[in-house]
Amino acid sequence: MSRIVLNGSTILTEQHQGAAPTVSTSVGVIPVEATLAIGDYVELHGYQASGGNLDTLAGQSVTFLRVRLTSST
């Protein structure tokens, strides 16, 4: 499961993805637009609940959060 969270508590978007036991699984999130105030921040969370330890990234550096800054002025 992955989600984008505003200020540590407000979930802006969330995506659940079942994993296959023998191959790697990618989980994206649904794009979201949010108006931020001064001091606001966003986080990208990733969770797995298989009951066992799993490797993340599988040796690849592919975790990212893309943000686009727009101005109303």
N, C-alpha and C. Protein backbone atom coordinates (compact mmCIF):
# COMPACT_ATOMS: atom_id res chain seq x y z
N MET A 1 0.85 -1.15 0.00
CA MET A 1 0.00 0.00 0.00
C MET A 1 0.90 1.23 0.00
N SER A 2 0.52 2.21 -0.75
CA SER A 2 1.24 3.48 -0.75
C SER A 2 0.23 4.61 -0.58
N ARG A 3 0.70 5.71 -0.02
CA ARG A 3 -0.18 6.85 0.16
C ARG A 3 0.64 8.12 0.21
N ILE A 4 -0.02 9.23 -0.11
CA ILE A 4 0.56 10.55 0.07
C ILE A 4 -0.21 11.22 1.20
N VAL A 5 0.53 11.74 2.17
CA VAL A 5 -0.05 12.29 3.39
C VAL A 5 0.35 13.75 3.55
N LEU A 6 -0.61 14.58 3.93
CA LEU A 6 -0.38 16.00 4.17
C LEU A 6 -0.21 16.24 5.66
N ASN A 7 0.86 16.91 6.03
CA ASN A 7 1.12 17.31 7.43
C ASN A 7 1.08 16.14 8.41
N GLY A 8 1.45 14.96 7.95
CA GLY A 8 1.57 13.81 8.84
C GLY A 8 0.28 13.12 9.21
N SER A 9 -0.89 13.63 8.76
CA SER A 9 -2.13 13.00 9.22
C SER A 9 -3.24 12.93 8.17
N THR A 10 -3.29 13.84 7.21
CA THR A 10 -4.37 13.86 6.24
C THR A 10 -3.97 13.07 5.00
N ILE A 11 -4.68 11.97 4.73
CA ILE A 11 -4.38 11.15 3.56
C ILE A 11 -4.96 11.83 2.32
N LEU A 12 -4.08 12.19 1.38
CA LEU A 12 -4.53 12.83 0.14
C LEU A 12 -4.90 11.80 -0.92
N THR A 13 -4.17 10.70 -0.98
CA THR A 13 -4.46 9.61 -1.92
C THR A 13 -3.83 8.33 -1.39
N GLU A 14 -4.43 7.20 -1.76
CA GLU A 14 -3.96 5.90 -1.26
C GLU A 14 -4.22 4.85 -2.31
N GLN A 15 -3.28 3.91 -2.45
CA GLN A 15 -3.41 2.85 -3.44
C GLN A 15 -3.00 1.52 -2.80
N HIS A 16 -3.85 0.51 -2.94
CA HIS A 16 -3.54 -0.84 -2.44
C HIS A 16 -3.22 -1.73 -3.63
N GLN A 17 -2.20 -2.57 -3.48
CA GLN A 17 -1.79 -3.46 -4.56
C GLN A 17 -1.38 -4.79 -3.96
N GLY A 18 -2.03 -5.87 -4.40
CA GLY A 18 -1.62 -7.20 -3.97
C GLY A 18 -0.29 -7.57 -4.58
N ALA A 19 0.50 -8.34 -3.88
CA ALA A 19 1.83 -8.72 -4.36
C ALA A 19 1.87 -10.19 -4.73
N ALA A 20 2.61 -10.49 -5.79
CA ALA A 20 2.87 -11.89 -6.16
C ALA A 20 4.05 -12.37 -5.33
N PRO A 21 4.02 -13.62 -4.86
CA PRO A 21 5.07 -14.07 -3.94
C PRO A 21 6.44 -14.28 -4.58
N THR A 22 6.54 -14.38 -5.89
CA THR A 22 7.82 -14.72 -6.51
C THR A 22 8.39 -13.63 -7.41
N VAL A 23 7.70 -12.52 -7.56
CA VAL A 23 8.21 -11.44 -8.41
C VAL A 23 8.11 -10.11 -7.67
N SER A 24 8.83 -9.13 -8.15
CA SER A 24 8.75 -7.82 -7.50
C SER A 24 7.43 -7.14 -7.84
N THR A 25 6.98 -6.28 -6.98
CA THR A 25 5.71 -5.57 -7.15
C THR A 25 5.95 -4.08 -7.00
N SER A 26 5.43 -3.32 -7.94
CA SER A 26 5.48 -1.86 -7.86
C SER A 26 4.12 -1.35 -7.46
N VAL A 27 4.11 -0.35 -6.62
CA VAL A 27 2.85 0.25 -6.19
C VAL A 27 2.94 1.76 -6.42
N GLY A 28 2.05 2.28 -7.24
CA GLY A 28 2.00 3.72 -7.47
C GLY A 28 0.87 4.32 -6.67
N VAL A 29 0.72 5.61 -6.80
CA VAL A 29 -0.41 6.29 -6.17
C VAL A 29 -1.14 7.10 -7.24
N ILE A 30 -2.41 7.34 -7.00
CA ILE A 30 -3.22 8.14 -7.90
C ILE A 30 -2.77 9.59 -7.76
N PRO A 31 -2.47 10.28 -8.87
CA PRO A 31 -2.05 11.68 -8.78
C PRO A 31 -3.09 12.53 -8.06
N VAL A 32 -2.62 13.51 -7.32
CA VAL A 32 -3.51 14.37 -6.55
C VAL A 32 -2.98 15.79 -6.59
N GLU A 33 -3.88 16.75 -6.61
CA GLU A 33 -3.50 18.15 -6.49
C GLU A 33 -3.97 18.66 -5.14
N ALA A 34 -3.13 19.41 -4.46
CA ALA A 34 -3.48 19.94 -3.14
C ALA A 34 -2.95 21.35 -3.01
N THR A 35 -3.71 22.21 -2.40
CA THR A 35 -3.26 23.56 -2.10
C THR A 35 -2.57 23.54 -0.75
N LEU A 36 -1.32 23.98 -0.72
CA LEU A 36 -0.53 23.95 0.50
C LEU A 36 -0.36 25.37 1.04
N ALA A 37 -0.37 25.49 2.34
CA ALA A 37 -0.11 26.76 3.01
C ALA A 37 1.34 26.78 3.49
N ILE A 38 1.81 27.92 3.89
CA ILE A 38 3.17 28.01 4.44
C ILE A 38 3.27 27.07 5.64
N GLY A 39 4.32 26.26 5.65
CA GLY A 39 4.53 25.31 6.73
C GLY A 39 3.97 23.93 6.48
N ASP A 40 3.11 23.77 5.47
CA ASP A 40 2.57 22.44 5.12
C ASP A 40 3.67 21.57 4.51
N TYR A 41 3.53 20.26 4.64
CA TYR A 41 4.47 19.33 4.02
C TYR A 41 3.72 18.07 3.59
N VAL A 42 4.28 17.35 2.63
CA VAL A 42 3.71 16.08 2.18
C VAL A 42 4.73 14.98 2.36
N GLU A 43 4.23 13.75 2.57
CA GLU A 43 5.08 12.58 2.75
C GLU A 43 4.58 11.47 1.84
N LEU A 44 5.48 10.63 1.38
CA LEU A 44 5.14 9.42 0.64
C LEU A 44 5.35 8.25 1.59
N HIS A 45 4.27 7.49 1.88
CA HIS A 45 4.34 6.34 2.78
C HIS A 45 4.21 5.05 1.96
N GLY A 46 4.95 4.05 2.35
CA GLY A 46 4.82 2.72 1.76
C GLY A 46 4.70 1.68 2.87
N TYR A 47 3.78 0.75 2.74
CA TYR A 47 3.55 -0.28 3.75
C TYR A 47 3.44 -1.64 3.10
N GLN A 48 3.85 -2.66 3.83
CA GLN A 48 3.57 -4.03 3.42
C GLN A 48 3.15 -4.80 4.66
N ALA A 49 2.23 -5.73 4.49
CA ALA A 49 1.69 -6.47 5.63
C ALA A 49 1.61 -7.95 5.32
N SER A 50 2.68 -8.49 4.78
CA SER A 50 2.67 -9.91 4.42
C SER A 50 2.88 -10.82 5.62
N GLY A 51 3.34 -10.25 6.73
CA GLY A 51 3.62 -11.05 7.91
C GLY A 51 5.09 -11.43 8.02
N GLY A 52 5.87 -11.17 6.97
CA GLY A 52 7.30 -11.48 7.00
C GLY A 52 8.11 -10.29 6.53
N ASN A 53 9.43 -10.40 6.71
CA ASN A 53 10.31 -9.34 6.25
C ASN A 53 10.46 -9.43 4.74
N LEU A 54 10.43 -8.27 4.08
CA LEU A 54 10.63 -8.19 2.64
C LEU A 54 11.65 -7.12 2.33
N ASP A 55 12.41 -7.32 1.27
CA ASP A 55 13.34 -6.30 0.82
C ASP A 55 12.56 -5.19 0.11
N THR A 56 13.01 -3.97 0.29
CA THR A 56 12.46 -2.87 -0.49
C THR A 56 13.50 -2.48 -1.52
N LEU A 57 13.06 -2.00 -2.63
CA LEU A 57 13.90 -1.54 -3.73
C LEU A 57 14.60 -2.67 -4.47
N ALA A 58 14.77 -3.82 -3.90
CA ALA A 58 15.43 -4.96 -4.54
C ALA A 58 16.72 -4.55 -5.23
N GLY A 59 17.50 -3.71 -4.57
CA GLY A 59 18.77 -3.28 -5.12
C GLY A 59 18.67 -2.14 -6.12
N GLN A 60 17.49 -1.63 -6.34
CA GLN A 60 17.30 -0.54 -7.29
C GLN A 60 16.83 0.70 -6.54
N SER A 61 17.26 1.83 -7.02
CA SER A 61 16.87 3.10 -6.40
C SER A 61 15.71 3.69 -7.19
N VAL A 62 14.49 3.28 -6.86
CA VAL A 62 13.33 3.69 -7.66
C VAL A 62 12.20 4.34 -6.86
N THR A 63 12.42 4.65 -5.60
CA THR A 63 11.38 5.29 -4.81
C THR A 63 11.46 6.80 -5.01
N PHE A 64 10.34 7.42 -5.39
CA PHE A 64 10.37 8.86 -5.57
C PHE A 64 8.99 9.46 -5.40
N LEU A 65 8.97 10.75 -5.15
CA LEU A 65 7.75 11.54 -5.06
C LEU A 65 7.97 12.77 -5.92
N ARG A 66 7.14 12.94 -6.93
CA ARG A 66 7.25 14.09 -7.83
C ARG A 66 6.25 15.16 -7.41
N VAL A 67 6.72 16.39 -7.30
CA VAL A 67 5.89 17.51 -6.89
C VAL A 67 6.02 18.61 -7.93
N ARG A 68 4.91 19.22 -8.29
CA ARG A 68 4.93 20.35 -9.22
C ARG A 68 4.47 21.60 -8.48
N LEU A 69 5.29 22.62 -8.52
CA LEU A 69 4.98 23.89 -7.86
C LEU A 69 4.30 24.81 -8.86
N THR A 70 3.13 25.29 -8.49
CA THR A 70 2.43 26.28 -9.30
C THR A 70 2.11 27.47 -8.41
N SER A 71 1.94 28.61 -9.01
CA SER A 71 1.67 29.82 -8.25
C SER A 71 0.38 30.46 -8.72
N SER A 72 -0.33 31.05 -7.81
CA SER A 72 -1.58 31.73 -8.18
C SER A 72 -1.33 33.20 -8.49
N THR A 73 -0.07 33.65 -8.39
CA THR A 73 0.24 35.06 -8.68
C THR A 73 0.87 35.21 -10.02
